[in-house]
Protein backbone atom coordinates (compact mmCIF):
# COMPACT_ATOMS: atom_id res chain seq x y z
CA MET A 1 25.26 5.53 38.30
CA SER A 2 23.50 7.28 35.71
CA GLU A 3 21.20 6.16 33.41
CA PHE A 4 21.02 6.43 29.30
CA PRO A 5 18.41 7.18 27.86
CA THR A 6 16.21 4.11 26.44
CA PRO A 7 16.89 4.48 22.46
CA SER A 8 13.51 5.59 20.85
CA VAL A 9 11.66 3.27 18.25
CA ALA A 10 12.64 3.70 14.64
CA ARG A 11 9.71 5.33 12.53
CA VAL A 12 8.82 5.81 9.30
CA VAL A 13 7.72 8.92 8.31
CA VAL A 14 5.77 9.37 5.09
CA GLY A 15 4.10 12.02 3.65
CA VAL A 16 0.69 11.96 2.35
CA SER A 17 -1.19 13.84 -0.48
CA GLY A 18 -4.04 11.62 -2.03
CA SER A 19 -2.28 11.80 -5.39
CA PRO A 20 -1.72 8.31 -7.37
CA GLY A 21 2.12 8.85 -6.31
CA SER A 22 1.95 9.65 -2.81
CA LEU A 23 -0.39 6.17 -2.44
CA ALA A 24 2.15 4.39 -3.91
CA VAL A 25 4.46 5.84 -1.82
CA LEU A 26 2.46 5.15 1.52
CA GLY A 27 2.88 1.45 0.71
CA ARG A 28 6.47 1.26 -0.31
CA ALA A 29 6.91 3.09 3.19
CA ALA A 30 4.63 0.25 4.98
CA GLU A 31 7.04 -2.24 3.57
CA GLU A 32 9.43 -0.29 5.40
CA ALA A 33 8.28 -0.57 8.40
CA ARG A 34 7.58 -4.01 8.16
CA ILE A 35 11.13 -5.04 6.91
CA ARG A 36 12.43 -2.49 9.68
CA GLY A 37 10.19 -3.34 12.58
CA ALA A 38 9.58 0.53 12.63
CA GLU A 39 6.20 2.57 13.16
CA LEU A 40 4.62 3.72 10.53
CA TRP A 41 3.78 7.53 10.43
CA PRO A 42 1.93 8.79 7.40
CA VAL A 43 1.21 12.40 7.28
CA VAL A 44 -0.97 15.21 6.21
CA ALA A 45 0.48 18.47 5.97
CA TRP A 46 -2.00 21.19 5.03
CA GLU A 47 -1.90 24.91 4.83
CA PRO A 48 -4.77 27.92 3.81
CA PRO A 49 -4.76 28.33 0.04
CA GLU A 50 -3.11 31.58 0.43
CA GLY A 51 -0.56 30.49 2.64
CA ASP A 52 0.32 30.81 6.31
CA LEU A 53 1.40 33.76 6.60
CA THR A 54 -1.94 35.69 4.42
CA ALA A 55 -4.12 33.76 7.10
CA ARG A 56 -2.73 34.92 9.71
CA ARG A 57 -3.24 38.68 8.52
CA CYS A 58 -7.21 37.90 7.67
CA PRO A 59 -9.03 36.84 10.65
CA ALA A 60 -11.91 35.63 8.26
CA THR A 61 -9.36 32.71 7.86
CA THR A 62 -9.74 31.67 11.13
CA ALA A 63 -13.10 30.84 11.14
CA VAL A 64 -12.63 28.81 8.13
CA ALA A 65 -9.42 26.81 9.16
CA PRO A 66 -11.26 24.20 11.15
CA GLU A 67 -12.82 22.96 7.51
CA TRP A 68 -9.71 23.26 5.70
CA GLU A 69 -8.03 20.95 8.74
CA ARG A 70 -11.46 18.66 8.69
CA LEU A 71 -10.72 18.27 4.97
CA ALA A 72 -6.87 17.53 5.38
CA ARG A 73 -8.10 14.38 7.60
CA GLU A 74 -10.35 13.08 5.27
CA ARG A 75 -7.53 13.36 2.72
CA LEU A 76 -5.93 11.00 5.19
CA ALA A 77 -8.61 8.69 6.25
CA GLY A 78 -9.14 8.33 2.61
CA ALA A 79 -5.36 7.55 1.34
CA LEU A 80 -5.57 5.28 4.49
CA ARG A 81 -8.59 3.29 2.95
CA GLU A 82 -6.99 3.21 -0.24
CA VAL A 83 -3.72 1.69 0.58
CA PHE A 84 -5.18 0.08 3.51
CA ALA A 85 -8.50 -1.23 3.35
CA SER A 86 -9.18 0.63 6.58
CA THR A 87 -8.47 3.83 8.40
CA GLY A 88 -5.26 2.12 10.20
CA THR A 89 -2.13 0.87 9.11
CA GLY A 90 -2.31 -2.66 10.68
CA LEU A 91 1.33 -1.13 11.89
CA PRO A 92 2.21 0.13 15.21
CA GLY A 93 2.60 3.90 15.17
CA GLN A 94 0.29 7.06 14.50
CA ALA A 95 -1.16 8.85 11.32
CA LEU A 96 -0.50 12.80 11.82
CA VAL A 97 -2.71 16.15 10.25
CA VAL A 98 -0.29 18.84 10.69
CA ARG A 99 -0.66 22.78 9.80
CA GLY A 100 2.05 24.25 7.93
CA ALA A 101 3.97 23.41 4.62
CA PRO A 102 4.57 20.04 3.61
CA GLY A 103 8.39 20.10 3.20
CA PRO A 104 9.44 21.71 6.42
CA ALA A 105 6.31 19.70 8.81
CA LEU A 106 7.89 16.18 7.33
CA VAL A 107 11.34 17.27 8.21
CA ARG A 108 10.08 18.74 11.25
CA ILE A 109 8.50 15.35 12.53
CA ALA A 110 11.24 12.89 11.00
CA ALA A 111 13.92 14.44 13.84
CA ARG A 112 14.61 11.54 15.82
CA ASP A 113 17.10 8.97 16.21
CA GLY A 114 16.03 5.88 14.06
CA ASP A 115 13.67 7.93 11.80
CA VAL A 116 13.37 7.38 8.00
CA LEU A 117 11.59 9.61 5.71
CA ILE A 118 9.97 8.37 2.47
CA VAL A 119 9.47 10.28 -0.16
CA GLY A 120 8.40 10.36 -4.04
CA ALA A 121 10.84 11.03 -6.66
CA GLY A 122 10.24 12.37 -10.34
CA GLY A 123 7.35 12.57 -12.49
CA ARG A 124 7.23 16.21 -13.26
CA GLY A 125 7.55 18.82 -15.65
CA ARG A 126 9.22 22.02 -15.57
CA LEU A 127 6.39 24.25 -15.09
CA LEU A 128 4.82 22.07 -12.47
CA ARG A 129 8.76 22.23 -10.76
CA ALA A 130 8.28 26.27 -11.34
CA LEU A 131 4.93 26.82 -9.68
CA ARG A 132 5.18 24.49 -6.96
CA PRO A 133 8.33 23.43 -5.27
CA SER A 134 9.42 19.74 -4.74
CA VAL A 135 8.16 18.31 -1.24
CA GLY A 136 10.69 15.28 -1.97
CA ARG A 137 13.47 18.16 -3.19
CA TYR A 138 13.23 19.78 0.25
CA CYS A 139 13.26 16.65 2.15
CA LEU A 140 16.38 15.54 0.66
CA ALA A 141 18.22 18.99 0.70
CA HIS A 142 16.78 19.66 4.80
CA ALA A 143 16.41 16.27 6.53
CA VAL A 144 18.57 15.21 9.47
CA CYS A 145 17.51 11.73 8.58
CA PRO A 146 17.86 9.12 5.57
CA VAL A 147 15.59 9.98 3.26
CA PRO A 148 14.81 7.14 0.00
CA ALA A 149 12.72 8.14 -2.93
CA VAL A 150 10.56 6.30 -4.35
CA PRO A 151 10.88 6.58 -8.14
CA PRO A 152 7.31 6.77 -10.03
CA SER A 153 5.63 3.74 -11.82
CA PRO A 154 6.30 3.28 -15.05
CA LEU A 155 2.76 3.28 -15.57
CA ARG A 156 2.37 6.94 -14.80
CA ALA A 157 4.20 8.34 -18.11
CA ALA A 158 1.63 5.89 -19.87
CA LEU A 159 -1.31 7.12 -17.95
CA THR A 160 -0.42 10.54 -18.38
CA SER A 161 -0.12 10.43 -22.41
CA VAL A 162 -3.45 8.80 -22.09
CA HIS A 163 -4.74 12.08 -20.18
CA ARG A 164 -2.92 14.44 -22.33
CA ARG A 165 -4.65 12.54 -25.63
CA ASN A 166 -7.87 12.64 -24.07
CA VAL A 167 -7.55 16.27 -22.83
CA LEU A 168 -6.80 17.32 -26.42
CA ARG A 169 -9.13 14.82 -27.92
CA LEU A 170 -6.15 13.07 -29.62
CA ARG A 171 -6.65 9.59 -31.21
CA LEU A 172 -5.44 6.77 -28.82
CA HIS A 173 -2.67 4.87 -30.14
CA THR A 174 -4.12 1.30 -30.77
CA GLY A 175 -2.00 -0.34 -33.21
CA HIS A 176 -0.54 -2.44 -30.95
CA LEU A 177 -3.93 -3.73 -29.12
CA GLU A 178 -4.97 -4.65 -33.16
CA ARG A 179 -1.59 -6.38 -33.46
CA GLU A 180 -2.27 -8.80 -30.04
CA PHE A 181 -6.09 -8.87 -31.10
CA GLU A 182 -5.55 -10.34 -34.50
CA SER A 183 -2.60 -12.71 -33.46
CA LEU A 184 -5.51 -14.65 -31.33
CA PRO A 185 -7.04 -17.59 -32.45
CA PRO A 186 -10.13 -17.11 -34.88
CA ASP A 187 -12.42 -18.82 -31.50
CA ALA A 188 -10.98 -16.56 -29.09
CA ARG A 189 -11.55 -13.31 -31.21
CA ARG A 190 -15.00 -14.04 -31.59
CA SER A 191 -15.48 -14.22 -27.61
CA ALA A 192 -13.57 -10.91 -27.26
CA GLY A 193 -15.35 -9.53 -29.59
């Protein structure tokens, strides 16, 4: 009589960079893990600023690598605190800090049967896409598991526009706010103003 291996517990793997978009994706991944009854595996992938190949050639970077890993652990803990109000997720699974490029690291981790790899999608301009390859696109092209892509928040475009106007010191468009203020009853205007 042969024994069949027991199926592994389903996992929801999600990359975390600490950006507002990745925090939203982490929250969505937690929802998905709850729905599926799966483990949640948030992952921060890090590599030396010059890349691993250059770092391996330069012995001085070996001494700094523990510091870069510590910073990655802090980034992961900060993201977990931001989304879950603690350094734990409240779900089964484990948070990982791995050394390597984010796309290949996430694809390597999310390779078991039943895994789902959740990534962020969209919201990058042409210049940014040219300078830094998209982790989400890499995962969509190379992962062996399902890869749902979470679109950016509709508020992200508005926030980017306001930030751009602030950087360029341009006047913000407040016409809609003025119209709303004028539509208030006079006694409400006094308390708001």
